[in-house]
Amino acid sequence: MQTDNKIQLLQNFLNGSITDQELKNLFVWLNSEKGNMEFEKLLNEKWLTNKFQTTENIDSTILFSRIKTKIEDKQLSSRKQLLIRFRKVAAIFILGLLIPTIYFTVLNPQKDNKKVVYLKESLSNEKIRKMTLPDGTAVWLMSGSTITYPSNFSENKTRNVEITGEAFLNVAKDSLHPFILNLGEVGLKVVGTSFNVMNYGDEDRVNVVLKTGKVDLFKGKYNPDNDFVHLAPGQLMTYKKGEPEFLISYVDVDKYISWINGTLLFHNDRFEEVLKKLGKWYNISIEVNDREISNFLFTATIKNENLDQIVDLLKYSTPFKYSIYKADGVTKLVVEKMK
């Protein structure tokens, strides 16, 4: 889309004259990595502030939330019209709106014929995104992570959520509706607590670090009769996928949750784990050409540094060679031993 077309879409949305197709186009544009960068560029170059009188209307977080709400409202209205038009038909099939990073999955109808809509929030071009779930639970999502949750928790006995990647959650207290976090082979139940979780699909383990409250861990799918393992504040649970047991130890919680404030803390960490974290934090691919590099112990505090500054820091603090390559929009950092 040309710049004028993009601004026109924003104007149409804000003044309420946007069509369904234009709304889809606007959502897809703003939700893409390229579109997000273009939006910020327009904002920085005063294109948007010259067109609109207030900056509140063009705040990216508020704008994106309003667009999603508009789409959901249109979908709900469309469903109501279909139900009225075909109420005498025995079977009704409703096609949901398919858009990247937001999808709608209709579960099996309950006895009251209510359906649960699931939303999927994914983060790829930001380091951190803070969001609030429908029950009031606050979530900090790290780059490269995904969270799936119902649009309405009140229709179920439990608040079911799924996370891949890394996130910190401050769960809203509700003793009548336990909060269930599904992590593949394992899961956890809480009522109201705060904790950090790491659950990457390409890694062989799941980590949960508890800051406050209590966590009940279980294997498989949640059932009130499950055998639970309890986690106390200050403890780390490590589950190696495919293994029978949870490994629990005491740790420095701040080291695991400092990232929500934009800081990465490393203290005698294996360089392999450090590079994995940096790769996700800066959204880059990292290649290690010598496995001995992985066992090097690394200590540092990283805050607000850009990628070039990080590479300079690594050069001065480790005995390795670093090279950066960029191709097809992908940045790769190659690490190898000095010759």
C-alpha atoms as a PDB file:
ATOM      1  CA  MET A   1       0.000   0.000   0.000  1.00  0.00           C
ATOM      2  CA  GLN A   2       1.093   3.545  -0.718  1.00  0.00           C
ATOM      3  CA  THR A   3       1.589   5.920   2.213  1.00  0.00           C
ATOM      4  CA  ASP A   4      -1.516   7.949   1.383  1.00  0.00           C
ATOM      5  CA  ASN A   5      -3.601   4.758   1.243  1.00  0.00           C
ATOM      6  CA  LYS A   6      -2.363   3.699   4.679  1.00  0.00           C
ATOM      7  CA  ILE A   7      -3.205   7.067   6.186  1.00  0.00           C
ATOM      8  CA  GLN A   8      -6.619   6.973   4.496  1.00  0.00           C
ATOM      9  CA  LEU A   9      -7.312   3.576   6.080  1.00  0.00           C
ATOM     10  CA  LEU A  10      -6.444   4.992   9.510  1.00  0.00           C
ATOM     11  CA  GLN A  11      -8.683   7.987   8.886  1.00  0.00           C
ATOM     12  CA  ASN A  12     -11.567   5.759   7.791  1.00  0.00           C
ATOM     13  CA  PHE A  13     -11.158   3.617  10.908  1.00  0.00           C
ATOM     14  CA  LEU A  14     -11.044   6.564  13.303  1.00  0.00           C
ATOM     15  CA  ASN A  15     -14.063   8.311  11.762  1.00  0.00           C
ATOM     16  CA  GLY A  16     -16.118   5.103  11.591  1.00  0.00           C
ATOM     17  CA  SER A  17     -16.445   4.888   7.801  1.00  0.00           C
ATOM     18  CA  ILE A  18     -14.157   1.901   7.247  1.00  0.00           C
ATOM     19  CA  THR A  19     -15.486  -1.069   5.271  1.00  0.00           C
ATOM     20  CA  ASP A  20     -15.046  -4.713   6.298  1.00  0.00           C
ATOM     21  CA  GLN A  21     -12.384  -5.277   3.638  1.00  0.00           C
ATOM     22  CA  GLU A  22     -10.538  -2.107   4.612  1.00  0.00           C
ATOM     23  CA  LEU A  23     -10.629  -3.222   8.255  1.00  0.00           C
ATOM     24  CA  LYS A  24      -9.051  -6.541   7.297  1.00  0.00           C
ATOM     25  CA  ASN A  25      -6.376  -4.762   5.248  1.00  0.00           C
ATOM     26  CA  LEU A  26      -5.608  -2.378   8.113  1.00  0.00           C
ATOM     27  CA  PHE A  27      -5.313  -5.207  10.624  1.00  0.00           C
ATOM     28  CA  VAL A  28      -3.047  -7.322   8.429  1.00  0.00           C
ATOM     29  CA  TRP A  29      -0.817  -4.306   7.693  1.00  0.00           C
ATOM     30  CA  LEU A  30      -0.424  -3.199  11.328  1.00  0.00           C
ATOM     31  CA  ASN A  31       0.042  -6.760  12.574  1.00  0.00           C
ATOM     32  CA  SER A  32       2.892  -7.590  10.185  1.00  0.00           C
ATOM     33  CA  GLU A  33       6.490  -6.891  11.094  1.00  0.00           C
ATOM     34  CA  LYS A  34       6.903  -4.713   8.005  1.00  0.00           C
ATOM     35  CA  GLY A  35       3.667  -2.845   8.711  1.00  0.00           C
ATOM     36  CA  ASN A  36       4.627  -2.238  12.340  1.00  0.00           C
ATOM     37  CA  MET A  37       7.923  -0.721  11.213  1.00  0.00           C
ATOM     38  CA  GLU A  38       6.172   1.398   8.571  1.00  0.00           C
ATOM     39  CA  PHE A  39       3.693   2.676  11.150  1.00  0.00           C
ATOM     40  CA  GLU A  40       6.487   3.692  13.518  1.00  0.00           C
ATOM     41  CA  LYS A  41       8.302   5.384  10.631  1.00  0.00           C
ATOM     42  CA  LEU A  42       5.199   7.373   9.709  1.00  0.00           C
ATOM     43  CA  LEU A  43       4.796   8.366  13.332  1.00  0.00           C
ATOM     44  CA  ASN A  44       8.447   9.366  13.729  1.00  0.00           C
ATOM     45  CA  GLU A  45       8.404  11.400  10.530  1.00  0.00           C
ATOM     46  CA  LYS A  46       5.288  13.291  11.744  1.00  0.00           C
ATOM     47  CA  TRP A  47       3.160  12.019   8.861  1.00  0.00           C
ATOM     48  CA  LEU A  48       0.455  10.861  11.264  1.00  0.00           C
ATOM     49  CA  THR A  49       0.647  13.700  13.775  1.00  0.00           C
ATOM     50  CA  ASN A  50       0.194  16.132  10.896  1.00  0.00           C
ATOM     51  CA  LYS A  51      -2.956  14.302   9.803  1.00  0.00           C
ATOM     52  CA  PHE A  52      -4.553  13.789  13.235  1.00  0.00           C
ATOM     53  CA  GLN A  53      -4.958  16.282  16.018  1.00  0.00           C
ATOM     54  CA  THR A  54      -4.294  13.981  18.989  1.00  0.00           C
ATOM     55  CA  THR A  55      -1.588  11.403  19.512  1.00  0.00           C
ATOM     56  CA  GLU A  56      -3.888   9.258  21.680  1.00  0.00           C
ATOM     57  CA  ASN A  57      -5.802   8.083  18.619  1.00  0.00           C
ATOM     58  CA  ILE A  58      -2.659   6.832  16.950  1.00  0.00           C
ATOM     59  CA  ASP A  59      -0.940   5.133  19.901  1.00  0.00           C
ATOM     60  CA  SER A  60      -0.051   1.762  18.359  1.00  0.00           C
ATOM     61  CA  THR A  61      -1.130  -0.365  21.342  1.00  0.00           C
ATOM     62  CA  ILE A  62      -4.490   1.387  21.763  1.00  0.00           C
ATOM     63  CA  LEU A  63      -5.094   1.450  18.019  1.00  0.00           C
ATOM     64  CA  PHE A  64      -4.327  -2.249  17.586  1.00  0.00           C
ATOM     65  CA  SER A  65      -6.622  -3.147  20.506  1.00  0.00           C
ATOM     66  CA  ARG A  66      -9.451  -1.058  19.027  1.00  0.00           C
ATOM     67  CA  ILE A  67      -9.051  -2.730  15.635  1.00  0.00           C
ATOM     68  CA  LYS A  68      -9.241  -6.216  17.187  1.00  0.00           C
ATOM     69  CA  THR A  69     -12.337  -5.213  19.147  1.00  0.00           C
ATOM     70  CA  LYS A  70     -13.952  -3.848  15.979  1.00  0.00           C
ATOM     71  CA  ILE A  71     -13.250  -7.100  14.138  1.00  0.00           C
ATOM     72  CA  GLU A  72     -14.712  -9.167  16.997  1.00  0.00           C
ATOM     73  CA  ASP A  73     -17.813  -6.938  17.118  1.00  0.00           C
ATOM     74  CA  LYS A  74     -18.332  -7.328  13.362  1.00  0.00           C
ATOM     75  CA  GLN A  75     -17.914 -11.086  13.609  1.00  0.00           C
ATOM     76  CA  LEU A  76     -20.402 -11.298  16.496  1.00  0.00           C
ATOM     77  CA  SER A  77     -22.909  -9.164  14.577  1.00  0.00           C
ATOM     78  CA  SER A  78     -22.458 -11.338  11.498  1.00  0.00           C
ATOM     79  CA  ARG A  79     -23.087 -14.483  13.524  1.00  0.00           C
ATOM     80  CA  LYS A  80     -26.293 -13.065  14.999  1.00  0.00           C
ATOM     81  CA  GLN A  81     -27.590 -12.233  11.518  1.00  0.00           C
ATOM     82  CA  LEU A  82     -26.843 -15.771  10.321  1.00  0.00           C
ATOM     83  CA  LEU A  83     -28.613 -17.300  13.301  1.00  0.00           C
ATOM     84  CA  ILE A  84     -31.724 -15.202  12.644  1.00  0.00           C
ATOM     85  CA  ARG A  85     -31.717 -15.902   8.900  1.00  0.00           C
ATOM     86  CA  PHE A  86     -31.261 -19.662   9.234  1.00  0.00           C
ATOM     87  CA  ARG A  87     -32.861 -20.372  12.631  1.00  0.00           C
ATOM     88  CA  LYS A  88     -35.074 -23.087  11.084  1.00  0.00           C
ATOM     89  CA  VAL A  89     -32.123 -24.948   9.632  1.00  0.00           C
ATOM     90  CA  ALA A  90     -31.014 -27.973  11.645  1.00  0.00           C
ATOM     91  CA  ALA A  91     -27.253 -27.425  11.251  1.00  0.00           C
ATOM     92  CA  ILE A  92     -25.569 -24.056  11.166  1.00  0.00           C
ATOM     93  CA  PHE A  93     -21.944 -23.591  10.202  1.00  0.00           C
ATOM     94  CA  ILE A  94     -20.279 -20.296  10.947  1.00  0.00           C
ATOM     95  CA  LEU A  95     -17.026 -19.442   9.253  1.00  0.00           C
ATOM     96  CA  GLY A  96     -14.689 -17.369  11.461  1.00  0.00           C
ATOM     97  CA  LEU A  97     -12.480 -14.556  10.298  1.00  0.00           C
ATOM     98  CA  LEU A  98      -8.959 -15.853   9.613  1.00  0.00           C
ATOM     99  CA  ILE A  99      -6.183 -13.280  10.220  1.00  0.00           C
ATOM    100  CA  PRO A 100      -2.446 -13.806  10.990  1.00  0.00           C
ATOM    101  CA  THR A 101      -1.697 -14.001  14.736  1.00  0.00           C
ATOM    102  CA  ILE A 102      -5.454 -13.957  15.655  1.00  0.00           C
ATOM    103  CA  TYR A 103      -7.427 -17.103  15.044  1.00  0.00           C
ATOM    104  CA  PHE A 104     -10.779 -18.300  16.263  1.00  0.00           C
ATOM    105  CA  THR A 105     -11.326 -21.942  17.240  1.00  0.00           C
ATOM    106  CA  VAL A 106     -14.863 -23.139  17.990  1.00  0.00           C
ATOM    107  CA  LEU A 107     -14.866 -25.880  20.634  1.00  0.00           C
ATOM    108  CA  ASN A 108     -17.501 -28.570  21.059  1.00  0.00           C
ATOM    109  CA  PRO A 109     -20.803 -26.989  22.203  1.00  0.00           C
ATOM    110  CA  GLN A 110     -21.586 -27.238  25.915  1.00  0.00           C
ATOM    111  CA  LYS A 111     -25.014 -28.196  27.203  1.00  0.00           C
ATOM    112  CA  ASP A 112     -26.139 -24.583  26.917  1.00  0.00           C
ATOM    113  CA  ASN A 113     -24.841 -24.477  23.306  1.00  0.00           C
ATOM    114  CA  LYS A 114     -22.322 -21.757  24.167  1.00  0.00           C
ATOM    115  CA  LYS A 115     -19.098 -21.697  22.212  1.00  0.00           C
ATOM    116  CA  VAL A 116     -15.682 -20.524  23.395  1.00  0.00           C
ATOM    117  CA  VAL A 117     -13.600 -18.288  21.163  1.00  0.00           C
ATOM    118  CA  TYR A 118      -9.844 -18.507  21.551  1.00  0.00           C
ATOM    119  CA  LEU A 119      -7.471 -15.700  20.695  1.00  0.00           C
ATOM    120  CA  LYS A 120      -3.806 -16.088  19.953  1.00  0.00           C
ATOM    121  CA  GLU A 121      -1.340 -13.319  20.765  1.00  0.00           C
ATOM    122  CA  SER A 122       2.070 -13.747  19.180  1.00  0.00           C
ATOM    123  CA  LEU A 123       5.127 -11.550  19.544  1.00  0.00           C
ATOM    124  CA  SER A 124       7.972 -11.511  17.032  1.00  0.00           C
ATOM    125  CA  ASN A 125       9.213  -7.974  16.344  1.00  0.00           C
ATOM    126  CA  GLU A 126       9.198  -6.587  19.897  1.00  0.00           C
ATOM    127  CA  LYS A 127      11.276  -7.576  22.913  1.00  0.00           C
ATOM    128  CA  ILE A 128       8.405  -7.377  25.421  1.00  0.00           C
ATOM    129  CA  ARG A 129       4.665  -6.866  25.278  1.00  0.00           C
ATOM    130  CA  LYS A 130       2.525  -6.382  28.368  1.00  0.00           C
ATOM    131  CA  MET A 131      -1.106  -7.379  28.081  1.00  0.00           C
ATOM    132  CA  THR A 132      -4.105  -8.080  30.296  1.00  0.00           C
ATOM    133  CA  LEU A 133      -6.271 -11.196  29.971  1.00  0.00           C
ATOM    134  CA  PRO A 134     -10.077 -11.043  30.281  1.00  0.00           C
ATOM    135  CA  ASP A 135      -9.903 -12.061  33.977  1.00  0.00           C
ATOM    136  CA  GLY A 136      -7.487  -9.233  34.853  1.00  0.00           C
ATOM    137  CA  THR A 137      -4.333 -11.369  34.797  1.00  0.00           C
ATOM    138  CA  ALA A 138      -1.288  -9.339  33.725  1.00  0.00           C
ATOM    139  CA  VAL A 139       1.074 -11.018  31.255  1.00  0.00           C
ATOM    140  CA  TRP A 140       4.523  -9.969  30.055  1.00  0.00           C
ATOM    141  CA  LEU A 141       5.346 -11.813  26.821  1.00  0.00           C
ATOM    142  CA  MET A 142       8.909 -12.140  25.534  1.00  0.00           C
ATOM    143  CA  SER A 143       9.862 -11.888  21.862  1.00  0.00           C
ATOM    144  CA  GLY A 144       9.207 -15.113  19.971  1.00  0.00           C
ATOM    145  CA  SER A 145       6.436 -16.200  22.365  1.00  0.00           C
ATOM    146  CA  THR A 146       2.760 -17.032  21.915  1.00  0.00           C
ATOM    147  CA  ILE A 147      -0.186 -17.078  24.336  1.00  0.00           C
ATOM    148  CA  THR A 148      -3.597 -18.616  23.656  1.00  0.00           C
ATOM    149  CA  TYR A 149      -6.574 -17.845  25.899  1.00  0.00           C
ATOM    150  CA  PRO A 150     -10.405 -17.686  25.850  1.00  0.00           C
ATOM    151  CA  SER A 151     -12.137 -14.414  25.084  1.00  0.00           C
ATOM    152  CA  ASN A 152     -14.335 -15.001  28.132  1.00  0.00           C
ATOM    153  CA  PHE A 153     -13.192 -16.927  31.215  1.00  0.00           C
ATOM    154  CA  SER A 154     -16.536 -16.772  33.023  1.00  0.00           C
ATOM    155  CA  GLU A 155     -18.128 -19.502  30.880  1.00  0.00           C
ATOM    156  CA  ASN A 156     -15.835 -22.248  32.256  1.00  0.00           C
ATOM    157  CA  LYS A 157     -14.995 -23.723  35.639  1.00  0.00           C
ATOM    158  CA  THR A 158     -11.299 -23.144  34.988  1.00  0.00           C
ATOM    159  CA  ARG A 159      -9.301 -20.386  33.258  1.00  0.00           C
ATOM    160  CA  ASN A 160      -7.366 -22.317  30.606  1.00  0.00           C
ATOM    161  CA  VAL A 161      -4.327 -20.718  28.947  1.00  0.00           C
ATOM    162  CA  GLU A 162      -1.491 -22.037  26.781  1.00  0.00           C
ATOM    163  CA  ILE A 163       1.966 -20.487  26.375  1.00  0.00           C
ATOM    164  CA  THR A 164       4.898 -21.289  24.127  1.00  0.00           C
ATOM    165  CA  GLY A 165       8.075 -19.276  24.666  1.00  0.00           C
ATOM    166  CA  GLU A 166       8.659 -17.216  27.804  1.00  0.00           C
ATOM    167  CA  ALA A 167       6.254 -15.152  29.880  1.00  0.00           C
ATOM    168  CA  PHE A 168       5.794 -13.662  33.324  1.00  0.00           C
ATOM    169  CA  LEU A 169       2.264 -13.812  34.742  1.00  0.00           C
ATOM    170  CA  ASN A 170       0.654 -12.019  37.676  1.00  0.00           C
ATOM    171  CA  VAL A 171      -2.536 -14.055  37.954  1.00  0.00           C
ATOM    172  CA  ALA A 172      -5.729 -12.376  39.146  1.00  0.00           C
ATOM    173  CA  LYS A 173      -7.082 -14.129  42.240  1.00  0.00           C
ATOM    174  CA  ASP A 174     -10.266 -16.176  41.734  1.00  0.00           C
ATOM    175  CA  SER A 175     -10.587 -19.194  44.025  1.00  0.00           C
ATOM    176  CA  LEU A 176     -13.755 -20.372  42.263  1.00  0.00           C
ATOM    177  CA  HIS A 177     -12.063 -20.543  38.836  1.00  0.00           C
ATOM    178  CA  PRO A 178      -8.517 -21.970  39.074  1.00  0.00           C
ATOM    179  CA  PHE A 179      -6.035 -20.669  36.502  1.00  0.00           C
ATOM    180  CA  ILE A 180      -4.688 -23.597  34.447  1.00  0.00           C
ATOM    181  CA  LEU A 181      -1.575 -23.094  32.327  1.00  0.00           C
ATOM    182  CA  ASN A 182      -1.023 -25.882  29.781  1.00  0.00           C
ATOM    183  CA  LEU A 183       2.624 -26.442  28.819  1.00  0.00           C
ATOM    184  CA  GLY A 184       2.458 -29.562  26.658  1.00  0.00           C
ATOM    185  CA  GLU A 185       3.504 -32.588  28.702  1.00  0.00           C
ATOM    186  CA  VAL A 186       2.966 -30.740  31.972  1.00  0.00           C
ATOM    187  CA  GLY A 187       0.863 -27.937  33.391  1.00  0.00           C
ATOM    188  CA  LEU A 188       0.244 -25.906  36.497  1.00  0.00           C
ATOM    189  CA  LYS A 189      -2.704 -24.704  38.568  1.00  0.00           C
ATOM    190  CA  VAL A 190      -2.792 -21.446  40.507  1.00  0.00           C
ATOM    191  CA  VAL A 191      -5.467 -19.293  42.123  1.00  0.00           C
ATOM    192  CA  GLY A 192      -3.657 -15.971  42.375  1.00  0.00           C
ATOM    193  CA  THR A 193       0.124 -15.766  42.127  1.00  0.00           C
ATOM    194  CA  SER A 194       3.074 -14.489  40.077  1.00  0.00           C
ATOM    195  CA  PHE A 195       5.607 -16.618  38.247  1.00  0.00           C
ATOM    196  CA  ASN A 196       7.864 -16.896  35.189  1.00  0.00           C
ATOM    197  CA  VAL A 197       7.538 -19.727  32.685  1.00  0.00           C
ATOM    198  CA  MET A 198       9.813 -20.908  29.869  1.00  0.00           C
ATOM    199  CA  ASN A 199       8.304 -23.374  27.401  1.00  0.00           C
ATOM    200  CA  TYR A 200      10.013 -23.240  23.993  1.00  0.00           C
ATOM    201  CA  GLY A 201       9.058 -25.871  21.442  1.00  0.00           C
ATOM    202  CA  ASP A 202      12.656 -26.218  20.221  1.00  0.00           C
ATOM    203  CA  GLU A 203      14.074 -26.834  23.723  1.00  0.00           C
ATOM    204  CA  ASP A 204      14.039 -30.042  25.743  1.00  0.00           C
ATOM    205  CA  ARG A 205      12.835 -28.611  29.042  1.00  0.00           C
ATOM    206  CA  VAL A 206      10.210 -26.484  30.755  1.00  0.00           C
ATOM    207  CA  ASN A 207      11.083 -24.048  33.572  1.00  0.00           C
ATOM    208  CA  VAL A 208       8.791 -22.369  36.098  1.00  0.00           C
ATOM    209  CA  VAL A 209      10.105 -19.882  38.679  1.00  0.00           C
ATOM    210  CA  LEU A 210       7.701 -18.795  41.419  1.00  0.00           C
ATOM    211  CA  LYS A 211       7.865 -15.232  42.771  1.00  0.00           C
ATOM    212  CA  THR A 212       4.784 -15.090  45.018  1.00  0.00           C
ATOM    213  CA  GLY A 213       1.951 -17.388  46.038  1.00  0.00           C
ATOM    214  CA  LYS A 214       1.789 -21.114  45.327  1.00  0.00           C
ATOM    215  CA  VAL A 215       1.899 -23.273  42.197  1.00  0.00           C
ATOM    216  CA  ASP A 216       0.562 -26.813  41.842  1.00  0.00           C
ATOM    217  CA  LEU A 217       2.350 -28.740  39.085  1.00  0.00           C
ATOM    218  CA  PHE A 218       0.914 -31.743  37.289  1.00  0.00           C
ATOM    219  CA  LYS A 219       1.707 -34.035  34.364  1.00  0.00           C
ATOM    220  CA  GLY A 220      -0.593 -34.485  31.368  1.00  0.00           C
ATOM    221  CA  LYS A 221      -3.972 -32.774  31.213  1.00  0.00           C
ATOM    222  CA  TYR A 222      -5.509 -31.034  34.222  1.00  0.00           C
ATOM    223  CA  ASN A 223      -7.826 -33.004  36.452  1.00  0.00           C
ATOM    224  CA  PRO A 224      -8.834 -32.040  40.022  1.00  0.00           C
ATOM    225  CA  ASP A 225      -7.737 -35.541  41.087  1.00  0.00           C
ATOM    226  CA  ASN A 226      -4.233 -35.161  39.643  1.00  0.00           C
ATOM    227  CA  ASP A 227      -1.167 -35.837  41.774  1.00  0.00           C
ATOM    228  CA  PHE A 228       0.215 -32.334  42.326  1.00  0.00           C
ATOM    229  CA  VAL A 229       3.753 -31.217  43.102  1.00  0.00           C
ATOM    230  CA  HIS A 230       3.869 -27.934  45.016  1.00  0.00           C
ATOM    231  CA  LEU A 231       6.214 -25.050  44.260  1.00  0.00           C
ATOM    232  CA  ALA A 232       7.074 -22.416  46.886  1.00  0.00           C
ATOM    233  CA  PRO A 233       8.269 -18.803  46.342  1.00  0.00           C
ATOM    234  CA  GLY A 234      11.928 -18.638  45.327  1.00  0.00           C
ATOM    235  CA  GLN A 235      11.898 -22.110  43.790  1.00  0.00           C
ATOM    236  CA  LEU A 236      12.650 -23.185  40.221  1.00  0.00           C
ATOM    237  CA  MET A 237      10.943 -26.201  38.676  1.00  0.00           C
ATOM    238  CA  THR A 238      12.744 -27.830  35.765  1.00  0.00           C
ATOM    239  CA  TYR A 239      11.002 -30.530  33.778  1.00  0.00           C
ATOM    240  CA  LYS A 240      12.990 -32.369  31.116  1.00  0.00           C
ATOM    241  CA  LYS A 241      10.569 -33.451  28.408  1.00  0.00           C
ATOM    242  CA  GLY A 242       9.938 -37.188  28.453  1.00  0.00           C
ATOM    243  CA  GLU A 243      11.287 -37.637  31.995  1.00  0.00           C
ATOM    244  CA  PRO A 244       9.089 -38.768  34.923  1.00  0.00           C
ATOM    245  CA  GLU A 245      10.011 -36.194  37.579  1.00  0.00           C
ATOM    246  CA  PHE A 246      10.009 -32.482  38.357  1.00  0.00           C
ATOM    247  CA  LEU A 247      13.373 -31.139  39.541  1.00  0.00           C
ATOM    248  CA  ILE A 248      13.010 -28.353  42.132  1.00  0.00           C
ATOM    249  CA  SER A 249      15.693 -26.026  43.519  1.00  0.00           C
ATOM    250  CA  TYR A 250      16.009 -22.571  45.110  1.00  0.00           C
ATOM    251  CA  VAL A 251      17.240 -19.752  42.841  1.00  0.00           C
ATOM    252  CA  ASP A 252      17.648 -15.971  42.664  1.00  0.00           C
ATOM    253  CA  VAL A 253      14.208 -15.059  41.293  1.00  0.00           C
ATOM    254  CA  ASP A 254      15.350 -11.609  40.089  1.00  0.00           C
ATOM    255  CA  LYS A 255      17.727 -13.256  37.640  1.00  0.00           C
ATOM    256  CA  TYR A 256      14.794 -15.001  35.953  1.00  0.00           C
ATOM    257  CA  ILE A 257      12.303 -12.119  35.890  1.00  0.00           C
ATOM    258  CA  SER A 258      14.533  -9.048  35.323  1.00  0.00           C
ATOM    259  CA  TRP A 259      13.756  -9.213  31.596  1.00  0.00           C
ATOM    260  CA  ILE A 260      10.260  -7.796  32.150  1.00  0.00           C
ATOM    261  CA  ASN A 261      11.988  -4.509  33.062  1.00  0.00           C
ATOM    262  CA  GLY A 262      14.244  -4.663  29.998  1.00  0.00           C
ATOM    263  CA  THR A 263      17.289  -6.159  31.744  1.00  0.00           C
ATOM    264  CA  LEU A 264      19.014  -9.503  31.176  1.00  0.00           C
ATOM    265  CA  LEU A 265      21.047 -10.839  34.113  1.00  0.00           C
ATOM    266  CA  PHE A 266      23.679 -13.527  33.621  1.00  0.00           C
ATOM    267  CA  HIS A 267      25.840 -14.956  36.402  1.00  0.00           C
ATOM    268  CA  ASN A 268      28.131 -17.872  35.652  1.00  0.00           C
ATOM    269  CA  ASP A 269      25.695 -19.104  33.011  1.00  0.00           C
ATOM    270  CA  ARG A 270      26.737 -21.550  30.322  1.00  0.00           C
ATOM    271  CA  PHE A 271      27.385 -19.610  27.133  1.00  0.00           C
ATOM    272  CA  GLU A 272      25.023 -21.890  25.204  1.00  0.00           C
ATOM    273  CA  GLU A 273      22.105 -20.702  27.359  1.00  0.00           C
ATOM    274  CA  VAL A 274      23.278 -17.086  27.132  1.00  0.00           C
ATOM    275  CA  LEU A 275      23.321 -17.227  23.329  1.00  0.00           C
ATOM    276  CA  LYS A 276      19.845 -18.776  23.228  1.00  0.00           C
ATOM    277  CA  LYS A 277      18.492 -15.933  25.358  1.00  0.00           C
ATOM    278  CA  LEU A 278      20.247 -13.273  23.275  1.00  0.00           C
ATOM    279  CA  GLY A 279      18.956 -14.849  20.069  1.00  0.00           C
ATOM    280  CA  LYS A 280      15.359 -14.600  21.272  1.00  0.00           C
ATOM    281  CA  TRP A 281      15.859 -11.148  22.832  1.00  0.00           C
ATOM    282  CA  TYR A 282      17.272  -9.615  19.631  1.00  0.00           C
ATOM    283  CA  ASN A 283      15.283 -11.831  17.245  1.00  0.00           C
ATOM    284  CA  ILE A 284      18.378 -13.140  15.481  1.00  0.00           C
ATOM    285  CA  SER A 285      19.751 -16.509  14.433  1.00  0.00           C
ATOM    286  CA  ILE A 286      22.919 -17.648  16.231  1.00  0.00           C
ATOM    287  CA  GLU A 287      25.340 -20.212  14.855  1.00  0.00           C
ATOM    288  CA  VAL A 288      28.053 -21.787  17.055  1.00  0.00           C
ATOM    289  CA  ASN A 289      30.898 -23.379  15.108  1.00  0.00           C
ATOM    290  CA  ASP A 290      32.637 -25.078  18.046  1.00  0.00           C
ATOM    291  CA  ARG A 291      30.746 -26.974  20.761  1.00  0.00           C
ATOM    292  CA  GLU A 292      33.438 -26.175  23.345  1.00  0.00           C
ATOM    293  CA  ILE A 293      32.184 -22.598  23.281  1.00  0.00           C
ATOM    294  CA  SER A 294      28.939 -23.720  24.918  1.00  0.00           C
ATOM    295  CA  ASN A 295      30.607 -24.556  28.248  1.00  0.00           C
ATOM    296  CA  PHE A 296      32.183 -21.135  28.725  1.00  0.00           C
ATOM    297  CA  LEU A 297      30.736 -19.409  31.839  1.00  0.00           C
ATOM    298  CA  PHE A 298      29.471 -15.882  31.251  1.00  0.00           C
ATOM    299  CA  THR A 299      28.541 -13.063  33.652  1.00  0.00           C
ATOM    300  CA  ALA A 300      27.036  -9.733  32.562  1.00  0.00           C
ATOM    301  CA  THR A 301      24.119  -7.326  32.948  1.00  0.00           C
ATOM    302  CA  ILE A 302      22.533  -6.240  29.673  1.00  0.00           C
ATOM    303  CA  LYS A 303      20.145  -3.300  29.489  1.00  0.00           C
ATOM    304  CA  ASN A 304      19.140  -1.109  26.541  1.00  0.00           C
ATOM    305  CA  GLU A 305      22.164  -2.118  24.433  1.00  0.00           C
ATOM    306  CA  ASN A 306      21.594  -2.554  20.729  1.00  0.00           C
ATOM    307  CA  LEU A 307      22.909  -5.573  18.842  1.00  0.00           C
ATOM    308  CA  ASP A 308      26.176  -3.905  17.771  1.00  0.00           C
ATOM    309  CA  GLN A 309      26.894  -2.907  21.367  1.00  0.00           C
ATOM    310  CA  ILE A 310      26.175  -6.456  22.538  1.00  0.00           C
ATOM    311  CA  VAL A 311      28.605  -7.870  19.990  1.00  0.00           C
ATOM    312  CA  ASP A 312      31.275  -5.404  21.203  1.00  0.00           C
ATOM    313  CA  LEU A 313      30.610  -6.510  24.786  1.00  0.00           C
ATOM    314  CA  LEU A 314      30.958 -10.173  23.825  1.00  0.00           C
ATOM    315  CA  LYS A 315      34.216  -9.479  21.961  1.00  0.00           C
ATOM    316  CA  TYR A 316      35.779  -7.831  25.011  1.00  0.00           C
ATOM    317  CA  SER A 317      34.496 -10.296  27.613  1.00  0.00           C
ATOM    318  CA  THR A 318      34.868 -13.675  25.862  1.00  0.00           C
ATOM    319  CA  PRO A 319      37.737 -15.355  23.959  1.00  0.00           C
ATOM    320  CA  PHE A 320      35.685 -15.907  20.802  1.00  0.00           C
ATOM    321  CA  LYS A 321      35.283 -14.396  17.349  1.00  0.00           C
ATOM    322  CA  TYR A 322      31.965 -12.883  16.230  1.00  0.00           C
ATOM    323  CA  SER A 323      30.617 -12.133  12.758  1.00  0.00           C
ATOM    324  CA  ILE A 324      27.243 -10.659  11.770  1.00  0.00           C
ATOM    325  CA  TYR A 325      25.547 -11.510   8.472  1.00  0.00           C
ATOM    326  CA  LYS A 326      22.277 -10.174   7.097  1.00  0.00           C
ATOM    327  CA  ALA A 327      20.398 -11.868   4.275  1.00  0.00           C
ATOM    328  CA  ASP A 328      16.727 -11.993   3.235  1.00  0.00           C
ATOM    329  CA  GLY A 329      15.715  -9.964   6.263  1.00  0.00           C
ATOM    330  CA  VAL A 330      17.378 -12.385   8.705  1.00  0.00           C
ATOM    331  CA  THR A 331      20.296 -11.418  10.943  1.00  0.00           C
ATOM    332  CA  LYS A 332      22.733 -14.175  11.865  1.00  0.00           C
ATOM    333  CA  LEU A 333      25.459 -13.999  14.519  1.00  0.00           C
ATOM    334  CA  VAL A 334      28.248 -16.552  13.999  1.00  0.00           C
ATOM    335  CA  VAL A 335      30.400 -17.489  17.001  1.00  0.00           C
ATOM    336  CA  GLU A 336      33.680 -19.379  16.645  1.00  0.00           C
ATOM    337  CA  LYS A 337      36.922 -19.947  18.513  1.00  0.00           C
ATOM    338  CA  MET A 338      39.890 -17.706  17.925  1.00  0.00           C
ATOM    339  CA  LYS A 339      42.495 -19.295  15.689  1.00  0.00           C
END
